[in-house]
Amino acid sequence: MAILNKASSANSTVLDPKTTTIKYPEVRIIVLDDDFNTFEHVANSLEVVIPGMSKERSWELAIEVDSEGSAEVWRGPLEQAELYHQQLLIKGLTMAPIEKI
């Protein structure tokens, strides 16, 4: 049995953790200003879709969208961003393409 363990360990490779760690690309979700969504709709959509979004923060972002023309509403891994971006589109918000950082 010891011979089998030696043989199997001789055939296996231990990878350096530094070379095997792959970080997901980080991206930004940006909502754009438009002429048809109300402050209330933008704020409510952000509060419902973005995890941890407070009512106060969603209103701040809705105001930023209106006054600045756009606002970054979330930043994080690409896979999550795709979900949130799609959900905000379904809610009718005008969205910039997902932007890699």
PDB file of N, CA and C in Angstrom:
ATOM      1  N   MET A   1       0.817  -1.181   0.000  1.00  0.00           N
ATOM      2  CA  MET A   1       0.000   0.000   0.000  1.00  0.00           C
ATOM      3  C   MET A   1       0.872   1.259   0.000  1.00  0.00           C
ATOM      4  N   ALA A   2       1.979   1.237   0.690  1.00  0.00           N
ATOM      5  CA  ALA A   2       2.891   2.367   0.697  1.00  0.00           C
ATOM      6  C   ALA A   2       3.444   2.626  -0.692  1.00  0.00           C
ATOM      7  N   ILE A   3       3.644   1.580  -1.467  1.00  0.00           N
ATOM      8  CA  ILE A   3       4.147   1.743  -2.828  1.00  0.00           C
ATOM      9  C   ILE A   3       3.104   2.450  -3.688  1.00  0.00           C
ATOM     10  N   LEU A   4       1.819   2.113  -3.508  1.00  0.00           N
ATOM     11  CA  LEU A   4       0.773   2.778  -4.270  1.00  0.00           C
ATOM     12  C   LEU A   4       0.702   4.266  -3.926  1.00  0.00           C
ATOM     13  N   ASN A   5       0.821   4.591  -2.648  1.00  0.00           N
ATOM     14  CA  ASN A   5       0.797   5.997  -2.252  1.00  0.00           C
ATOM     15  C   ASN A   5       1.964   6.754  -2.849  1.00  0.00           C
ATOM     16  N   LYS A   6       3.145   6.145  -2.830  1.00  0.00           N
ATOM     17  CA  LYS A   6       4.307   6.809  -3.415  1.00  0.00           C
ATOM     18  C   LYS A   6       4.121   6.981  -4.911  1.00  0.00           C
ATOM     19  N   ALA A   7       3.584   5.962  -5.560  1.00  0.00           N
ATOM     20  CA  ALA A   7       3.388   6.040  -7.003  1.00  0.00           C
ATOM     21  C   ALA A   7       2.355   7.114  -7.340  1.00  0.00           C
ATOM     22  N   SER A   8       1.260   7.140  -6.591  1.00  0.00           N
ATOM     23  CA  SER A   8       0.228   8.126  -6.901  1.00  0.00           C
ATOM     24  C   SER A   8       0.705   9.537  -6.581  1.00  0.00           C
ATOM     25  N   SER A   9       1.495   9.698  -5.511  1.00  0.00           N
ATOM     26  CA  SER A   9       1.990  11.038  -5.204  1.00  0.00           C
ATOM     27  C   SER A   9       3.075  11.457  -6.175  1.00  0.00           C
ATOM     28  N   ALA A  10       3.784  10.509  -6.734  1.00  0.00           N
ATOM     29  CA  ALA A  10       4.811  10.835  -7.724  1.00  0.00           C
ATOM     30  C   ALA A  10       4.172  11.328  -9.008  1.00  0.00           C
ATOM     31  N   ASN A  11       2.958  10.869  -9.306  1.00  0.00           N
ATOM     32  CA  ASN A  11       2.276  11.273 -10.528  1.00  0.00           C
ATOM     33  C   ASN A  11       1.438  12.532 -10.349  1.00  0.00           C
ATOM     34  N   SER A  12       1.219  12.959  -9.118  1.00  0.00           N
ATOM     35  CA  SER A  12       0.412  14.153  -8.897  1.00  0.00           C
ATOM     36  C   SER A  12       1.313  15.378  -8.837  1.00  0.00           C
ATOM     37  N   THR A  13       0.695  16.511  -9.076  1.00  0.00           N
ATOM     38  CA  THR A  13       1.426  17.771  -9.080  1.00  0.00           C
ATOM     39  C   THR A  13       0.764  18.728  -8.113  1.00  0.00           C
ATOM     40  N   VAL A  14       1.551  19.351  -7.286  1.00  0.00           N
ATOM     41  CA  VAL A  14       1.051  20.385  -6.395  1.00  0.00           C
ATOM     42  C   VAL A  14       1.322  21.720  -7.077  1.00  0.00           C
ATOM     43  N   LEU A  15       0.243  22.467  -7.290  1.00  0.00           N
ATOM     44  CA  LEU A  15       0.391  23.747  -7.976  1.00  0.00           C
ATOM     45  C   LEU A  15       0.648  24.854  -6.976  1.00  0.00           C
ATOM     46  N   ASP A  16       1.435  25.795  -7.395  1.00  0.00           N
ATOM     47  CA  ASP A  16       1.708  26.965  -6.568  1.00  0.00           C
ATOM     48  C   ASP A  16       0.422  27.783  -6.472  1.00  0.00           C
ATOM     49  N   PRO A  17      -0.076  28.069  -5.254  1.00  0.00           N
ATOM     50  CA  PRO A  17      -1.337  28.806  -5.118  1.00  0.00           C
ATOM     51  C   PRO A  17      -1.305  30.170  -5.805  1.00  0.00           C
ATOM     52  N   LYS A  18      -0.162  30.777  -5.909  1.00  0.00           N
ATOM     53  CA  LYS A  18      -0.068  32.088  -6.553  1.00  0.00           C
ATOM     54  C   LYS A  18      -0.430  32.010  -8.029  1.00  0.00           C
ATOM     55  N   THR A  19      -0.117  30.880  -8.660  1.00  0.00           N
ATOM     56  CA  THR A  19      -0.385  30.768 -10.089  1.00  0.00           C
ATOM     57  C   THR A  19      -1.774  30.214 -10.391  1.00  0.00           C
ATOM     58  N   THR A  20      -2.462  29.650  -9.393  1.00  0.00           N
ATOM     59  CA  THR A  20      -3.773  29.071  -9.646  1.00  0.00           C
ATOM     60  C   THR A  20      -4.917  29.985  -9.210  1.00  0.00           C
ATOM     61  N   THR A  21      -4.626  31.049  -8.498  1.00  0.00           N
ATOM     62  CA  THR A  21      -5.672  31.955  -8.058  1.00  0.00           C
ATOM     63  C   THR A  21      -6.033  32.891  -9.203  1.00  0.00           C
ATOM     64  N   ILE A  22      -7.296  32.836  -9.598  1.00  0.00           N
ATOM     65  CA  ILE A  22      -7.772  33.699 -10.667  1.00  0.00           C
ATOM     66  C   ILE A  22      -8.852  34.595 -10.091  1.00  0.00           C
ATOM     67  N   LYS A  23      -8.642  35.891 -10.181  1.00  0.00           N
ATOM     68  CA  LYS A  23      -9.613  36.836  -9.668  1.00  0.00           C
ATOM     69  C   LYS A  23     -10.633  37.147 -10.758  1.00  0.00           C
ATOM     70  N   TYR A  24     -11.910  37.153 -10.357  1.00  0.00           N
ATOM     71  CA  TYR A  24     -12.938  37.532 -11.312  1.00  0.00           C
ATOM     72  C   TYR A  24     -12.732  38.983 -11.703  1.00  0.00           C
ATOM     73  N   PRO A  25     -12.996  39.313 -12.965  1.00  0.00           N
ATOM     74  CA  PRO A  25     -12.857  40.716 -13.358  1.00  0.00           C
ATOM     75  C   PRO A  25     -13.869  41.573 -12.605  1.00  0.00           C
ATOM     76  N   GLU A  26     -13.437  42.722 -12.149  1.00  0.00           N
ATOM     77  CA  GLU A  26     -14.336  43.638 -11.455  1.00  0.00           C
ATOM     78  C   GLU A  26     -14.922  44.601 -12.480  1.00  0.00           C
ATOM     79  N   VAL A  27     -16.211  44.885 -12.312  1.00  0.00           N
ATOM     80  CA  VAL A  27     -16.922  45.741 -13.259  1.00  0.00           C
ATOM     81  C   VAL A  27     -17.797  46.744 -12.508  1.00  0.00           C
ATOM     82  N   ARG A  28     -18.298  47.709 -13.277  1.00  0.00           N
ATOM     83  CA  ARG A  28     -19.198  48.723 -12.719  1.00  0.00           C
ATOM     84  C   ARG A  28     -20.539  48.659 -13.430  1.00  0.00           C
ATOM     85  N   ILE A  29     -21.606  48.901 -12.685  1.00  0.00           N
ATOM     86  CA  ILE A  29     -22.940  49.047 -13.268  1.00  0.00           C
ATOM     87  C   ILE A  29     -23.302  50.526 -13.175  1.00  0.00           C
ATOM     88  N   ILE A  30     -23.671  51.097 -14.314  1.00  0.00           N
ATOM     89  CA  ILE A  30     -23.979  52.525 -14.387  1.00  0.00           C
ATOM     90  C   ILE A  30     -25.390  52.716 -14.938  1.00  0.00           C
ATOM     91  N   VAL A  31     -26.191  53.494 -14.203  1.00  0.00           N
ATOM     92  CA  VAL A  31     -27.534  53.866 -14.655  1.00  0.00           C
ATOM     93  C   VAL A  31     -27.427  55.235 -15.318  1.00  0.00           C
ATOM     94  N   LEU A  32     -28.100  55.365 -16.466  1.00  0.00           N
ATOM     95  CA  LEU A  32     -28.083  56.619 -17.226  1.00  0.00           C
ATOM     96  C   LEU A  32     -29.394  57.384 -17.042  1.00  0.00           C
ATOM     97  N   ASP A  33     -29.304  58.697 -17.160  1.00  0.00           N
ATOM     98  CA  ASP A  33     -30.490  59.552 -17.080  1.00  0.00           C
ATOM     99  C   ASP A  33     -31.342  59.363 -18.332  1.00  0.00           C
ATOM    100  N   ASP A  34     -32.636  59.499 -18.184  1.00  0.00           N
ATOM    101  CA  ASP A  34     -33.549  59.461 -19.316  1.00  0.00           C
ATOM    102  C   ASP A  34     -34.727  60.383 -19.012  1.00  0.00           C
ATOM    103  N   ASP A  35     -35.630  60.501 -19.975  1.00  0.00           N
ATOM    104  CA  ASP A  35     -36.761  61.419 -19.818  1.00  0.00           C
ATOM    105  C   ASP A  35     -38.053  60.733 -19.386  1.00  0.00           C
ATOM    106  N   PHE A  36     -38.000  59.432 -19.075  1.00  0.00           N
ATOM    107  CA  PHE A  36     -39.257  58.747 -18.779  1.00  0.00           C
ATOM    108  C   PHE A  36     -39.303  58.033 -17.438  1.00  0.00           C
ATOM    109  N   ASN A  37     -38.174  57.717 -16.813  1.00  0.00           N
ATOM    110  CA  ASN A  37     -38.200  57.092 -15.484  1.00  0.00           C
ATOM    111  C   ASN A  37     -38.225  58.169 -14.404  1.00  0.00           C
ATOM    112  N   THR A  38     -39.085  57.981 -13.428  1.00  0.00           N
ATOM    113  CA  THR A  38     -39.181  58.941 -12.326  1.00  0.00           C
ATOM    114  C   THR A  38     -38.096  58.644 -11.287  1.00  0.00           C
ATOM    115  N   PHE A  39     -37.833  59.635 -10.429  1.00  0.00           N
ATOM    116  CA  PHE A  39     -36.897  59.434  -9.311  1.00  0.00           C
ATOM    117  C   PHE A  39     -37.328  58.226  -8.493  1.00  0.00           C
ATOM    118  N   GLU A  40     -38.633  58.189  -8.204  1.00  0.00           N
ATOM    119  CA  GLU A  40     -39.169  57.127  -7.367  1.00  0.00           C
ATOM    120  C   GLU A  40     -38.946  55.749  -7.994  1.00  0.00           C
ATOM    121  N   HIS A  41     -39.188  55.643  -9.302  1.00  0.00           N
ATOM    122  CA  HIS A  41     -39.003  54.347  -9.964  1.00  0.00           C
ATOM    123  C   HIS A  41     -37.532  53.925  -9.950  1.00  0.00           C
ATOM    124  N   VAL A  42     -36.633  54.851 -10.233  1.00  0.00           N
ATOM    125  CA  VAL A  42     -35.197  54.534 -10.219  1.00  0.00           C
ATOM    126  C   VAL A  42     -34.777  54.106  -8.807  1.00  0.00           C
ATOM    127  N   ALA A  43     -35.145  54.888  -7.807  1.00  0.00           N
ATOM    128  CA  ALA A  43     -34.772  54.578  -6.427  1.00  0.00           C
ATOM    129  C   ALA A  43     -35.348  53.233  -5.988  1.00  0.00           C
ATOM    130  N   ASN A  44     -36.618  52.979  -6.262  1.00  0.00           N
ATOM    131  CA  ASN A  44     -37.236  51.713  -5.877  1.00  0.00           C
ATOM    132  C   ASN A  44     -36.587  50.531  -6.589  1.00  0.00           C
ATOM    133  N   SER A  45     -36.273  50.691  -7.864  1.00  0.00           N
ATOM    134  CA  SER A  45     -35.631  49.613  -8.627  1.00  0.00           C
ATOM    135  C   SER A  45     -34.269  49.279  -8.047  1.00  0.00           C
ATOM    136  N   LEU A  46     -33.488  50.297  -7.724  1.00  0.00           N
ATOM    137  CA  LEU A  46     -32.165  50.064  -7.137  1.00  0.00           C
ATOM    138  C   LEU A  46     -32.281  49.361  -5.789  1.00  0.00           C
ATOM    139  N   GLU A  47     -33.230  49.804  -4.989  1.00  0.00           N
ATOM    140  CA  GLU A  47     -33.413  49.217  -3.656  1.00  0.00           C
ATOM    141  C   GLU A  47     -33.811  47.740  -3.745  1.00  0.00           C
ATOM    142  N   VAL A  48     -34.630  47.392  -4.722  1.00  0.00           N
ATOM    143  CA  VAL A  48     -35.096  46.014  -4.875  1.00  0.00           C
ATOM    144  C   VAL A  48     -34.022  45.115  -5.491  1.00  0.00           C
ATOM    145  N   VAL A  49     -33.295  45.610  -6.473  1.00  0.00           N
ATOM    146  CA  VAL A  49     -32.363  44.767  -7.243  1.00  0.00           C
ATOM    147  C   VAL A  49     -30.988  44.636  -6.593  1.00  0.00           C
ATOM    148  N   ILE A  50     -30.435  45.724  -6.109  1.00  0.00           N
ATOM    149  CA  ILE A  50     -29.061  45.712  -5.595  1.00  0.00           C
ATOM    150  C   ILE A  50     -29.076  45.283  -4.124  1.00  0.00           C
ATOM    151  N   PRO A  51     -28.439  44.158  -3.799  1.00  0.00           N
ATOM    152  CA  PRO A  51     -28.424  43.679  -2.403  1.00  0.00           C
ATOM    153  C   PRO A  51     -27.795  44.713  -1.462  1.00  0.00           C
ATOM    154  N   GLY A  52     -28.438  44.918  -0.341  1.00  0.00           N
ATOM    155  CA  GLY A  52     -27.910  45.836   0.669  1.00  0.00           C
ATOM    156  C   GLY A  52     -28.146  47.306   0.386  1.00  0.00           C
ATOM    157  N   MET A  53     -28.857  47.619  -0.689  1.00  0.00           N
ATOM    158  CA  MET A  53     -29.107  49.014  -1.043  1.00  0.00           C
ATOM    159  C   MET A  53     -30.174  49.584  -0.108  1.00  0.00           C
ATOM    160  N   SER A  54     -29.816  50.652   0.597  1.00  0.00           N
ATOM    161  CA  SER A  54     -30.782  51.289   1.502  1.00  0.00           C
ATOM    162  C   SER A  54     -31.673  52.245   0.711  1.00  0.00           C
ATOM    163  N   LYS A  55     -32.810  52.549   1.293  1.00  0.00           N
ATOM    164  CA  LYS A  55     -33.732  53.497   0.671  1.00  0.00           C
ATOM    165  C   LYS A  55     -33.040  54.859   0.498  1.00  0.00           C
ATOM    166  N   GLU A  56     -32.328  55.293   1.530  1.00  0.00           N
ATOM    167  CA  GLU A  56     -31.631  56.583   1.468  1.00  0.00           C
ATOM    168  C   GLU A  56     -30.597  56.612   0.346  1.00  0.00           C
ATOM    169  N   ARG A  57     -29.787  55.551   0.253  1.00  0.00           N
ATOM    170  CA  ARG A  57     -28.741  55.497  -0.790  1.00  0.00           C
ATOM    171  C   ARG A  57     -29.352  55.418  -2.184  1.00  0.00           C
ATOM    172  N   SER A  58     -30.451  54.684  -2.326  1.00  0.00           N
ATOM    173  CA  SER A  58     -31.083  54.581  -3.640  1.00  0.00           C
ATOM    174  C   SER A  58     -31.600  55.944  -4.110  1.00  0.00           C
ATOM    175  N   TRP A  59     -32.115  56.751  -3.181  1.00  0.00           N
ATOM    176  CA  TRP A  59     -32.566  58.099  -3.539  1.00  0.00           C
ATOM    177  C   TRP A  59     -31.387  59.010  -3.881  1.00  0.00           C
ATOM    178  N   GLU A  60     -30.292  58.886  -3.149  1.00  0.00           N
ATOM    179  CA  GLU A  60     -29.086  59.669  -3.476  1.00  0.00           C
ATOM    180  C   GLU A  60     -28.618  59.357  -4.893  1.00  0.00           C
ATOM    181  N   LEU A  61     -28.618  58.073  -5.236  1.00  0.00           N
ATOM    182  CA  LEU A  61     -28.178  57.671  -6.578  1.00  0.00           C
ATOM    183  C   LEU A  61     -29.152  58.141  -7.653  1.00  0.00           C
ATOM    184  N   ALA A  62     -30.457  58.085  -7.382  1.00  0.00           N
ATOM    185  CA  ALA A  62     -31.450  58.568  -8.347  1.00  0.00           C
ATOM    186  C   ALA A  62     -31.234  60.063  -8.617  1.00  0.00           C
ATOM    187  N   ILE A  63     -30.945  60.818  -7.575  1.00  0.00           N
ATOM    188  CA  ILE A  63     -30.671  62.253  -7.734  1.00  0.00           C
ATOM    189  C   ILE A  63     -29.383  62.472  -8.522  1.00  0.00           C
ATOM    190  N   GLU A  64     -28.355  61.648  -8.256  1.00  0.00           N
ATOM    191  CA  GLU A  64     -27.097  61.752  -9.002  1.00  0.00           C
ATOM    192  C   GLU A  64     -27.303  61.443 -10.485  1.00  0.00           C
ATOM    193  N   VAL A  65     -28.107  60.439 -10.776  1.00  0.00           N
ATOM    194  CA  VAL A  65     -28.408  60.102 -12.175  1.00  0.00           C
ATOM    195  C   VAL A  65     -29.013  61.322 -12.863  1.00  0.00           C
ATOM    196  N   ASP A  66     -29.964  61.968 -12.213  1.00  0.00           N
ATOM    197  CA  ASP A  66     -30.631  63.124 -12.811  1.00  0.00           C
ATOM    198  C   ASP A  66     -29.698  64.322 -12.953  1.00  0.00           C
ATOM    199  N   SER A  67     -28.923  64.613 -11.924  1.00  0.00           N
ATOM    200  CA  SER A  67     -28.095  65.828 -11.952  1.00  0.00           C
ATOM    201  C   SER A  67     -26.801  65.663 -12.737  1.00  0.00           C
ATOM    202  N   GLU A  68     -26.220  64.453 -12.717  1.00  0.00           N
ATOM    203  CA  GLU A  68     -24.930  64.232 -13.389  1.00  0.00           C
ATOM    204  C   GLU A  68     -25.069  63.517 -14.740  1.00  0.00           C
ATOM    205  N   GLY A  69     -26.234  62.949 -14.991  1.00  0.00           N
ATOM    206  CA  GLY A  69     -26.445  62.217 -16.241  1.00  0.00           C
ATOM    207  C   GLY A  69     -26.205  60.715 -16.121  1.00  0.00           C
ATOM    208  N   SER A  70     -25.551  60.314 -15.036  1.00  0.00           N
ATOM    209  CA  SER A  70     -25.307  58.884 -14.791  1.00  0.00           C
ATOM    210  C   SER A  70     -24.816  58.709 -13.362  1.00  0.00           C
ATOM    211  N   ALA A  71     -24.867  57.462 -12.889  1.00  0.00           N
ATOM    212  CA  ALA A  71     -24.337  57.147 -11.565  1.00  0.00           C
ATOM    213  C   ALA A  71     -23.911  55.683 -11.540  1.00  0.00           C
ATOM    214  N   GLU A  72     -22.758  55.446 -10.923  1.00  0.00           N
ATOM    215  CA  GLU A  72     -22.333  54.079 -10.673  1.00  0.00           C
ATOM    216  C   GLU A  72     -23.143  53.575  -9.493  1.00  0.00           C
ATOM    217  N   VAL A  73     -23.909  52.509  -9.718  1.00  0.00           N
ATOM    218  CA  VAL A  73     -24.803  52.020  -8.665  1.00  0.00           C
ATOM    219  C   VAL A  73     -24.296  50.747  -8.008  1.00  0.00           C
ATOM    220  N   TRP A  74     -23.317  50.079  -8.628  1.00  0.00           N
ATOM    221  CA  TRP A  74     -22.771  48.851  -8.053  1.00  0.00           C
ATOM    222  C   TRP A  74     -21.431  48.561  -8.692  1.00  0.00           C
ATOM    223  N   ARG A  75     -20.550  47.909  -7.903  1.00  0.00           N
ATOM    224  CA  ARG A  75     -19.226  47.507  -8.386  1.00  0.00           C
ATOM    225  C   ARG A  75     -18.910  46.145  -7.792  1.00  0.00           C
ATOM    226  N   GLY A  76     -18.420  45.234  -8.624  1.00  0.00           N
ATOM    227  CA  GLY A  76     -18.087  43.908  -8.121  1.00  0.00           C
ATOM    228  C   GLY A  76     -17.810  42.930  -9.239  1.00  0.00           C
ATOM    229  N   PRO A  77     -17.889  41.621  -8.938  1.00  0.00           N
ATOM    230  CA  PRO A  77     -17.574  40.583  -9.917  1.00  0.00           C
ATOM    231  C   PRO A  77     -18.537  40.589 -11.114  1.00  0.00           C
ATOM    232  N   LEU A  78     -18.007  40.231 -12.272  1.00  0.00           N
ATOM    233  CA  LEU A  78     -18.758  40.255 -13.526  1.00  0.00           C
ATOM    234  C   LEU A  78     -20.034  39.422 -13.475  1.00  0.00           C
ATOM    235  N   GLU A  79     -19.955  38.228 -12.930  1.00  0.00           N
ATOM    236  CA  GLU A  79     -21.124  37.342 -12.939  1.00  0.00           C
ATOM    237  C   GLU A  79     -22.305  37.966 -12.202  1.00  0.00           C
ATOM    238  N   GLN A  80     -22.069  38.542 -11.032  1.00  0.00           N
ATOM    239  CA  GLN A  80     -23.146  39.211 -10.287  1.00  0.00           C
ATOM    240  C   GLN A  80     -23.632  40.439 -11.041  1.00  0.00           C
ATOM    241  N   ALA A  81     -22.696  41.177 -11.620  1.00  0.00           N
ATOM    242  CA  ALA A  81     -23.044  42.393 -12.352  1.00  0.00           C
ATOM    243  C   ALA A  81     -23.993  42.086 -13.508  1.00  0.00           C
ATOM    244  N   GLU A  82     -23.746  40.983 -14.193  1.00  0.00           N
ATOM    245  CA  GLU A  82     -24.622  40.616 -15.313  1.00  0.00           C
ATOM    246  C   GLU A  82     -26.062  40.414 -14.838  1.00  0.00           C
ATOM    247  N   LEU A  83     -26.225  39.771 -13.693  1.00  0.00           N
ATOM    248  CA  LEU A  83     -27.561  39.542 -13.138  1.00  0.00           C
ATOM    249  C   LEU A  83     -28.229  40.869 -12.772  1.00  0.00           C
ATOM    250  N   TYR A  84     -27.537  41.714 -12.004  1.00  0.00           N
ATOM    251  CA  TYR A  84     -28.125  42.982 -11.562  1.00  0.00           C
ATOM    252  C   TYR A  84     -28.432  43.890 -12.759  1.00  0.00           C
ATOM    253  N   HIS A  85     -27.518  43.925 -13.720  1.00  0.00           N
ATOM    254  CA  HIS A  85     -27.691  44.748 -14.924  1.00  0.00           C
ATOM    255  C   HIS A  85     -28.965  44.317 -15.657  1.00  0.00           C
ATOM    256  N   GLN A  86     -29.126  43.019 -15.846  1.00  0.00           N
ATOM    257  CA  GLN A  86     -30.299  42.489 -16.540  1.00  0.00           C
ATOM    258  C   GLN A  86     -31.580  42.813 -15.775  1.00  0.00           C
ATOM    259  N   GLN A  87     -31.550  42.675 -14.462  1.00  0.00           N
ATOM    260  CA  GLN A  87     -32.742  42.965 -13.657  1.00  0.00           C
ATOM    261  C   GLN A  87     -33.122  44.443 -13.721  1.00  0.00           C
ATOM    262  N   LEU A  88     -32.125  45.328 -13.739  1.00  0.00           N
ATOM    263  CA  LEU A  88     -32.409  46.762 -13.846  1.00  0.00           C
ATOM    264  C   LEU A  88     -32.959  47.098 -15.234  1.00  0.00           C
ATOM    265  N   LEU A  89     -32.446  46.427 -16.262  1.00  0.00           N
ATOM    266  CA  LEU A  89     -32.992  46.613 -17.613  1.00  0.00           C
ATOM    267  C   LEU A  89     -34.456  46.189 -17.663  1.00  0.00           C
ATOM    268  N   ILE A  90     -34.760  45.054 -17.046  1.00  0.00           N
ATOM    269  CA  ILE A  90     -36.140  44.555 -17.018  1.00  0.00           C
ATOM    270  C   ILE A  90     -37.061  45.554 -16.315  1.00  0.00           C
ATOM    271  N   LYS A  91     -36.535  46.256 -15.306  1.00  0.00           N
ATOM    272  CA  LYS A  91     -37.316  47.274 -14.590  1.00  0.00           C
ATOM    273  C   LYS A  91     -37.509  48.533 -15.439  1.00  0.00           C
ATOM    274  N   GLY A  92     -36.821  48.606 -16.592  1.00  0.00           N
ATOM    275  CA  GLY A  92     -36.995  49.737 -17.491  1.00  0.00           C
ATOM    276  C   GLY A  92     -35.963  50.839 -17.345  1.00  0.00           C
ATOM    277  N   LEU A  93     -34.952  50.645 -16.496  1.00  0.00           N
ATOM    278  CA  LEU A  93     -33.930  51.674 -16.347  1.00  0.00           C
ATOM    279  C   LEU A  93     -33.042  51.722 -17.590  1.00  0.00           C
ATOM    280  N   THR A  94     -32.541  52.904 -17.887  1.00  0.00           N
ATOM    281  CA  THR A  94     -31.614  53.081 -19.003  1.00  0.00           C
ATOM    282  C   THR A  94     -30.220  52.808 -18.482  1.00  0.00           C
ATOM    283  N   MET A  95     -29.565  51.802 -19.055  1.00  0.00           N
ATOM    284  CA  MET A  95     -28.306  51.320 -18.527  1.00  0.00           C
ATOM    285  C   MET A  95     -27.163  51.504 -19.509  1.00  0.00           C
ATOM    286  N   ALA A  96     -26.003  51.872 -19.000  1.00  0.00           N
ATOM    287  CA  ALA A  96     -24.781  51.836 -19.801  1.00  0.00           C
ATOM    288  C   ALA A  96     -24.344  50.377 -19.886  1.00  0.00           C
ATOM    289  N   PRO A  97     -23.552  50.027 -20.893  1.00  0.00           N
ATOM    290  CA  PRO A  97     -23.025  48.668 -20.937  1.00  0.00           C
ATOM    291  C   PRO A  97     -22.187  48.414 -19.676  1.00  0.00           C
ATOM    292  N   ILE A  98     -22.110  47.163 -19.258  1.00  0.00           N
ATOM    293  CA  ILE A  98     -21.277  46.810 -18.097  1.00  0.00           C
ATOM    294  C   ILE A  98     -19.850  47.231 -18.432  1.00  0.00           C
ATOM    295  N   GLU A  99     -19.221  47.907 -17.489  1.00  0.00           N
ATOM    296  CA  GLU A  99     -17.893  48.493 -17.729  1.00  0.00           C
ATOM    297  C   GLU A  99     -16.839  47.812 -16.872  1.00  0.00           C
ATOM    298  N   LYS A 100     -15.836  47.197 -17.526  1.00  0.00           N
ATOM    299  CA  LYS A 100     -14.743  46.584 -16.785  1.00  0.00           C
ATOM    300  C   LYS A 100     -13.858  47.664 -16.207  1.00  0.00           C
ATOM    301  N   ILE A 101     -13.351  47.397 -15.027  1.00  0.00           N
ATOM    302  CA  ILE A 101     -12.489  48.365 -14.336  1.00  0.00           C
ATOM    303  C   ILE A 101     -11.045  48.005 -14.584  1.00  0.00           C
TER     304      ILE A 101
END
